[in-house]
C-alpha atoms as a PDB file:
ATOM      1  CA  MET A   1      -2.895 -34.086  68.937  1.00  0.00           C
ATOM      2  CA  SER A   2       0.540 -35.555  68.395  1.00  0.00           C
ATOM      3  CA  SER A   3       3.599 -34.129  70.080  1.00  0.00           C
ATOM      4  CA  SER A   4       4.888 -32.724  66.772  1.00  0.00           C
ATOM      5  CA  GLN A   5       1.753 -30.601  66.393  1.00  0.00           C
ATOM      6  CA  SER A   6       1.515 -29.319  69.950  1.00  0.00           C
ATOM      7  CA  PRO A   7       2.612 -25.710  70.514  1.00  0.00           C
ATOM      8  CA  SER A   8       5.789 -25.125  72.454  1.00  0.00           C
ATOM      9  CA  ALA A   9       5.535 -24.032  76.074  1.00  0.00           C
ATOM     10  CA  GLY A  10       6.465 -20.390  75.414  1.00  0.00           C
ATOM     11  CA  ALA A  11       4.512 -19.967  72.171  1.00  0.00           C
ATOM     12  CA  LEU A  12       1.508 -17.684  72.040  1.00  0.00           C
ATOM     13  CA  PRO A  13      -1.798 -19.252  70.974  1.00  0.00           C
ATOM     14  CA  ALA A  14      -2.792 -18.854  67.330  1.00  0.00           C
ATOM     15  CA  VAL A  15      -6.082 -17.242  68.324  1.00  0.00           C
ATOM     16  CA  SER A  16      -5.450 -14.429  70.770  1.00  0.00           C
ATOM     17  CA  PRO A  17      -8.054 -12.052  72.238  1.00  0.00           C
ATOM     18  CA  ALA A  18      -6.603  -9.233  70.119  1.00  0.00           C
ATOM     19  CA  ARG A  19      -7.167 -11.248  66.943  1.00  0.00           C
ATOM     20  CA  VAL A  20     -10.743 -12.085  67.944  1.00  0.00           C
ATOM     21  CA  LEU A  21     -11.432  -8.424  68.676  1.00  0.00           C
ATOM     22  CA  ALA A  22      -9.892  -7.409  65.338  1.00  0.00           C
ATOM     23  CA  GLY A  23     -12.153  -9.901  63.583  1.00  0.00           C
ATOM     24  CA  LEU A  24     -15.177  -8.458  65.345  1.00  0.00           C
ATOM     25  CA  CYS A  25     -14.080  -4.943  64.356  1.00  0.00           C
ATOM     26  CA  LEU A  26     -14.092  -6.066  60.732  1.00  0.00           C
ATOM     27  CA  LEU A  27     -17.372  -7.953  61.076  1.00  0.00           C
ATOM     28  CA  VAL A  28     -19.454  -5.173  62.686  1.00  0.00           C
ATOM     29  CA  PRO A  29     -19.646  -2.802  59.661  1.00  0.00           C
ATOM     30  CA  ILE A  30     -20.403  -5.678  57.301  1.00  0.00           C
ATOM     31  CA  VAL A  31     -23.241  -7.058  59.401  1.00  0.00           C
ATOM     32  CA  VAL A  32     -24.736  -3.654  60.175  1.00  0.00           C
ATOM     33  CA  VAL A  33     -24.836  -2.534  56.552  1.00  0.00           C
ATOM     34  CA  LEU A  34     -26.127  -5.889  55.280  1.00  0.00           C
ATOM     35  CA  TRP A  35     -28.934  -5.888  57.860  1.00  0.00           C
ATOM     36  CA  VAL A  36     -31.158  -3.797  55.575  1.00  0.00           C
ATOM     37  CA  PRO A  37     -34.449  -4.100  57.530  1.00  0.00           C
ATOM     38  CA  SER A  38     -32.867  -2.059  60.330  1.00  0.00           C
ATOM     39  CA  TYR A  39     -32.671   1.049  58.164  1.00  0.00           C
ATOM     40  CA  THR A  40     -35.346   0.739  55.469  1.00  0.00           C
ATOM     41  CA  LYS A  41     -37.239   3.832  56.570  1.00  0.00           C
ATOM     42  CA  SER A  42     -37.221   7.492  55.698  1.00  0.00           C
ATOM     43  CA  GLU A  43     -37.559   8.973  59.181  1.00  0.00           C
ATOM     44  CA  PRO A  44     -35.764  10.527  61.008  1.00  0.00           C
ATOM     45  CA  ALA A  45     -34.454  12.845  58.340  1.00  0.00           C
ATOM     46  CA  PHE A  46     -31.117  14.559  58.846  1.00  0.00           C
ATOM     47  CA  GLY A  47     -30.562  17.788  56.964  1.00  0.00           C
ATOM     48  CA  GLY A  48     -33.372  16.926  54.559  1.00  0.00           C
ATOM     49  CA  MET A  49     -31.772  13.564  53.794  1.00  0.00           C
ATOM     50  CA  PRO A  50     -33.864  10.452  54.522  1.00  0.00           C
ATOM     51  CA  PHE A  51     -32.596   8.049  57.202  1.00  0.00           C
ATOM     52  CA  PHE A  52     -31.912   5.346  54.606  1.00  0.00           C
ATOM     53  CA  TYR A  53     -29.231   7.474  52.935  1.00  0.00           C
ATOM     54  CA  TRP A  54     -27.569   9.210  55.876  1.00  0.00           C
ATOM     55  CA  TYR A  55     -27.381   5.967  57.840  1.00  0.00           C
ATOM     56  CA  GLN A  56     -25.423   4.313  55.029  1.00  0.00           C
ATOM     57  CA  LEU A  57     -23.178   7.364  54.615  1.00  0.00           C
ATOM     58  CA  MET A  58     -22.551   7.441  58.360  1.00  0.00           C
ATOM     59  CA  TRP A  59     -21.081   3.935  58.121  1.00  0.00           C
ATOM     60  CA  VAL A  60     -18.386   4.987  55.631  1.00  0.00           C
ATOM     61  CA  PRO A  61     -16.226   6.810  58.234  1.00  0.00           C
ATOM     62  CA  LEU A  62     -17.309   4.393  60.979  1.00  0.00           C
ATOM     63  CA  SER A  63     -16.091   1.484  58.854  1.00  0.00           C
ATOM     64  CA  ALA A  64     -12.758   3.254  58.465  1.00  0.00           C
ATOM     65  CA  VAL A  65     -12.535   3.624  62.257  1.00  0.00           C
ATOM     66  CA  PHE A  66     -13.322  -0.067  62.786  1.00  0.00           C
ATOM     67  CA  THR A  67     -10.825  -1.129  60.112  1.00  0.00           C
ATOM     68  CA  THR A  68      -8.103   1.084  61.585  1.00  0.00           C
ATOM     69  CA  SER A  69      -8.796  -0.356  65.022  1.00  0.00           C
ATOM     70  CA  ALA A  70      -8.471  -3.888  63.654  1.00  0.00           C
ATOM     71  CA  TYR A  71      -5.188  -2.985  61.965  1.00  0.00           C
ATOM     72  CA  LEU A  72      -3.757  -1.486  65.151  1.00  0.00           C
ATOM     73  CA  LEU A  73      -4.856  -4.490  67.216  1.00  0.00           C
ATOM     74  CA  LEU A  74      -3.210  -6.892  64.775  1.00  0.00           C
ATOM     75  CA  ARG A  75      -0.044  -4.807  64.613  1.00  0.00           C
ATOM     76  CA  ARG A  76       0.212  -4.790  68.417  1.00  0.00           C
ATOM     77  CA  ASP A  77      -0.424  -8.545  68.514  1.00  0.00           C
ATOM     78  CA  GLU A  78       2.291  -9.191  65.931  1.00  0.00           C
ATOM     79  CA  ALA A  79       4.746  -7.057  67.914  1.00  0.00           C
ATOM     80  CA  ALA A  80       3.939  -9.060  71.048  1.00  0.00           C
ATOM     81  CA  ARG A  81       4.451 -12.313  69.140  1.00  0.00           C
ATOM     82  CA  LYS A  82       7.778 -11.125  67.784  1.00  0.00           C
ATOM     83  CA  ALA A  83       8.919 -10.034  71.254  1.00  0.00           C
ATOM     84  CA  ALA A  84       7.847 -13.384  72.705  1.00  0.00           C
ATOM     85  CA  SER A  85       9.735 -15.317  70.042  1.00  0.00           C
ATOM     86  CA  ILE A  86      12.876 -13.233  70.594  1.00  0.00           C
ATOM     87  CA  ALA A  87      12.595 -13.667  74.366  1.00  0.00           C
ATOM     88  CA  SER A  88      12.311 -17.437  73.984  1.00  0.00           C
ATOM     89  CA  LEU A  89      15.600 -17.698  72.060  1.00  0.00           C
ATOM     90  CA  PRO A  90      18.510 -19.013  74.130  1.00  0.00           C
ATOM     91  CA  VAL A  91      21.116 -16.443  75.151  1.00  0.00           C
ATOM     92  CA  PRO A  92      24.595 -17.409  73.900  1.00  0.00           C
ATOM     93  CA  SER A  93      27.068 -17.913  76.733  1.00  0.00           C
ATOM     94  CA  GLN A  94      30.613 -16.572  76.794  1.00  0.00           C
ATOM     95  CA  PRO A  95      33.181 -19.192  75.768  1.00  0.00           C
ATOM     96  CA  ASP A  96      35.683 -18.297  78.520  1.00  0.00           C
ATOM     97  CA  GLY A  97      33.040 -18.006  81.232  1.00  0.00           C
ATOM     98  CA  GLY A  98      34.392 -14.634  82.388  1.00  0.00           C
ATOM     99  CA  GLU A  99      33.189 -11.085  82.182  1.00  0.00           C
ATOM    100  CA  GLN A 100      34.117  -8.725  79.404  1.00  0.00           C
ATOM    101  CA  LEU A 101      35.580  -5.399  80.427  1.00  0.00           C
END
C-alpha cells in the first residue's frame, strides 16, 4: 500500500465491529427466511395455523427489530467517526498568545 493510500494515524478503520454487527443484523433475517428446509413442516401448529405460515409471519416483526438494530449501530458508529474527525482537527491558537478575559 502506498503512503497516499494509508489511513492517517487518528482515522478509524473503514470496517469497524459496529459495521460488521450491523451487516450480520441485516443478514440474519435474509438467511433464515431463505433457508426453506428449516420450516417446511406443518407441526407444531400455533392457534390452528401451520408452522410454515406462523414461522414466516414471526419473522416480519423480528426482521424489523434486526433492521432497527442495524440502523442504530450504524448511527452510533457514524457519530463516533464524526467525533473522532472533529477531535483530530488542530485547535487554532490565539494570535497574541495571551488569555482572553
